[in-house]
Amino acid sequence: SLPLLQAARKKNSLHLLELSEAELEEQFVRGDGPGGQATNKTNNCVVLKHVPSGIVVKCHQTRSVEKNRKIAREILQEKVDLFYKGEDSDVFKEKKTSEKQKQEKKRRAKENLERKKLFKEMQQLDKE
């Protein structure tokens, strides 16, 4: 039920599809958001498109064009892998695993909170 392309950008994915530079279109545009003149006057935002699949990634995480290019390629590689492999992708499996761990952690925290409430109630009853 997870939207496949939202699972991208998770680390430690090993078996991703390789991208060739011939399949990519790269543009440098002005970034937006907070940062004032540092972001509004420099073309350090990278827009990367994978032509065969039509997937577009926009990266403006740092002020460095080279770092943004590298990050954009990593994100695009993961999204392309998800696009072609779907639920068989390592990225998707990793996302599912982390979601399960998060839910389990929430469940345990809720149980602990309930136990603490019961303990306090028992203490109040003992005092009376």
Protein backbone atom coordinates (compact mmCIF):
# COMPACT_ATOMS: atom_id res chain seq x y z
CA SER A 1 0.00 0.00 0.00
CA LEU A 2 3.05 2.27 0.05
CA PRO A 3 3.43 4.56 -2.93
CA LEU A 4 6.48 3.02 -4.54
CA LEU A 5 8.42 6.14 -5.43
CA GLN A 6 8.05 7.58 -1.92
CA ALA A 7 10.14 4.73 -0.55
CA ALA A 8 13.25 6.08 -2.26
CA ARG A 9 16.12 7.78 -0.47
CA LYS A 10 16.73 5.04 2.07
CA LYS A 11 20.35 4.06 2.61
CA ASN A 12 22.08 0.65 2.46
CA SER A 13 20.37 -0.53 -0.72
CA LEU A 14 22.82 -2.83 -2.41
CA HIS A 15 21.47 -4.24 -5.67
CA LEU A 16 20.24 -1.19 -7.57
CA LEU A 17 19.92 -0.86 -11.31
CA GLU A 18 22.77 1.06 -12.91
CA LEU A 19 22.10 4.35 -14.69
CA SER A 20 23.97 5.37 -17.80
CA GLU A 21 24.75 9.04 -18.36
CA ALA A 22 23.26 8.80 -21.87
CA GLU A 23 19.81 8.18 -20.33
CA LEU A 24 19.98 11.29 -18.13
CA GLU A 25 19.11 14.92 -18.77
CA GLU A 26 20.60 17.36 -16.29
CA GLN A 27 19.69 20.99 -15.63
CA PHE A 28 20.88 23.52 -13.09
CA VAL A 29 18.20 25.89 -11.85
CA ARG A 30 17.82 28.41 -9.08
CA GLY A 31 16.86 26.91 -5.78
CA ASP A 32 14.01 28.11 -3.65
CA GLY A 33 13.15 28.20 0.02
CA PRO A 34 14.98 29.69 2.99
CA GLY A 35 18.50 31.01 2.57
CA GLY A 36 17.96 34.39 0.91
CA GLN A 37 20.58 35.54 -1.55
CA ALA A 38 22.66 32.38 -1.07
CA THR A 39 19.92 30.31 -2.71
CA ASN A 40 18.01 32.81 -4.81
CA LYS A 41 20.90 34.04 -6.95
CA THR A 42 22.81 30.82 -7.58
CA ASN A 43 21.98 27.99 -9.96
CA ASN A 44 22.98 25.16 -7.64
CA CYS A 45 19.72 23.21 -7.66
CA VAL A 46 20.03 20.08 -9.82
CA VAL A 47 17.10 18.73 -11.85
CA LEU A 48 17.82 15.26 -13.16
CA LYS A 49 15.52 13.36 -15.54
CA HIS A 50 15.70 9.69 -16.48
CA VAL A 51 14.47 9.81 -20.07
CA PRO A 52 13.29 6.17 -20.54
CA SER A 53 11.08 6.17 -17.43
CA GLY A 54 10.28 9.89 -17.27
CA ILE A 55 11.24 10.11 -13.58
CA VAL A 56 12.43 13.58 -12.52
CA VAL A 57 14.41 14.36 -9.36
CA LYS A 58 15.11 17.83 -8.01
CA CYS A 59 17.92 18.17 -5.46
CA HIS A 60 18.84 21.32 -3.54
CA GLN A 61 20.09 19.90 -0.26
CA THR A 62 23.44 21.70 -0.18
CA ARG A 63 24.98 24.87 -1.62
CA SER A 64 27.49 22.78 -3.58
CA VAL A 65 26.53 21.88 -7.15
CA GLU A 66 28.75 18.79 -7.11
CA LYS A 67 27.23 17.42 -3.91
CA ASN A 68 23.73 18.08 -5.23
CA ARG A 69 24.59 16.27 -8.48
CA LYS A 70 25.81 13.24 -6.52
CA ILE A 71 22.78 13.19 -4.21
CA ALA A 72 20.38 13.62 -7.15
CA ARG A 73 21.94 10.64 -8.93
CA GLU A 74 21.62 8.48 -5.81
CA ILE A 75 17.96 9.41 -5.36
CA LEU A 76 17.23 8.89 -9.06
CA GLN A 77 18.94 5.50 -9.05
CA GLU A 78 16.76 4.38 -6.15
CA LYS A 79 13.58 5.69 -7.79
CA VAL A 80 14.40 4.03 -11.12
CA ASP A 81 15.10 0.78 -9.26
CA LEU A 82 11.70 1.05 -7.56
CA PHE A 83 10.04 1.90 -10.86
CA TYR A 84 11.33 -1.19 -12.66
CA LYS A 85 11.50 -3.76 -9.82
CA GLY A 86 8.49 -2.63 -7.80
CA GLU A 87 8.02 -4.61 -4.60
CA ASP A 88 11.06 -6.79 -5.42
CA SER A 89 13.34 -3.78 -5.00
CA ASP A 90 15.74 -3.68 -2.03
CA VAL A 91 14.68 -0.08 -1.40
CA PHE A 92 11.04 -1.12 -1.03
CA LYS A 93 11.89 -4.06 1.23
CA GLU A 94 14.04 -1.83 3.41
CA LYS A 95 11.26 0.74 3.69
CA LYS A 96 8.75 -1.96 4.67
CA THR A 97 11.13 -3.28 7.34
CA SER A 98 11.70 0.18 8.82
CA GLU A 99 7.93 0.82 8.87
CA LYS A 100 7.36 -2.44 10.78
CA GLN A 101 10.09 -1.53 13.27
CA LYS A 102 8.57 1.92 13.77
CA GLN A 103 5.11 0.44 14.41
CA GLU A 104 6.55 -2.09 16.86
CA LYS A 105 8.37 0.69 18.73
CA LYS A 106 5.14 2.72 18.95
CA ARG A 107 3.24 -0.31 20.22
CA ARG A 108 5.83 -0.98 22.95
CA ALA A 109 5.84 2.68 24.01
CA LYS A 110 2.05 2.63 24.29
CA GLU A 111 2.15 -0.55 26.40
CA ASN A 112 4.76 0.98 28.72
CA LEU A 113 2.63 4.10 29.14
CA GLU A 114 -0.39 1.97 30.06
CA ARG A 115 1.70 0.01 32.60
CA LYS A 116 2.91 3.26 34.19
CA LYS A 117 -0.66 4.55 34.47
CA LEU A 118 -1.79 1.31 36.12
CA PHE A 119 1.16 1.42 38.51
CA LYS A 120 0.33 5.00 39.55
CA GLU A 121 -3.31 4.08 40.07
CA MET A 122 -2.26 1.14 42.27
CA GLN A 123 0.00 3.44 44.30
CA GLN A 124 -2.87 5.89 44.80
CA LEU A 125 -5.13 3.06 45.99
CA ASP A 126 -2.46 1.83 48.41
CA LYS A 127 -2.10 5.30 49.94
CA GLU A 128 -5.84 5.57 50.61
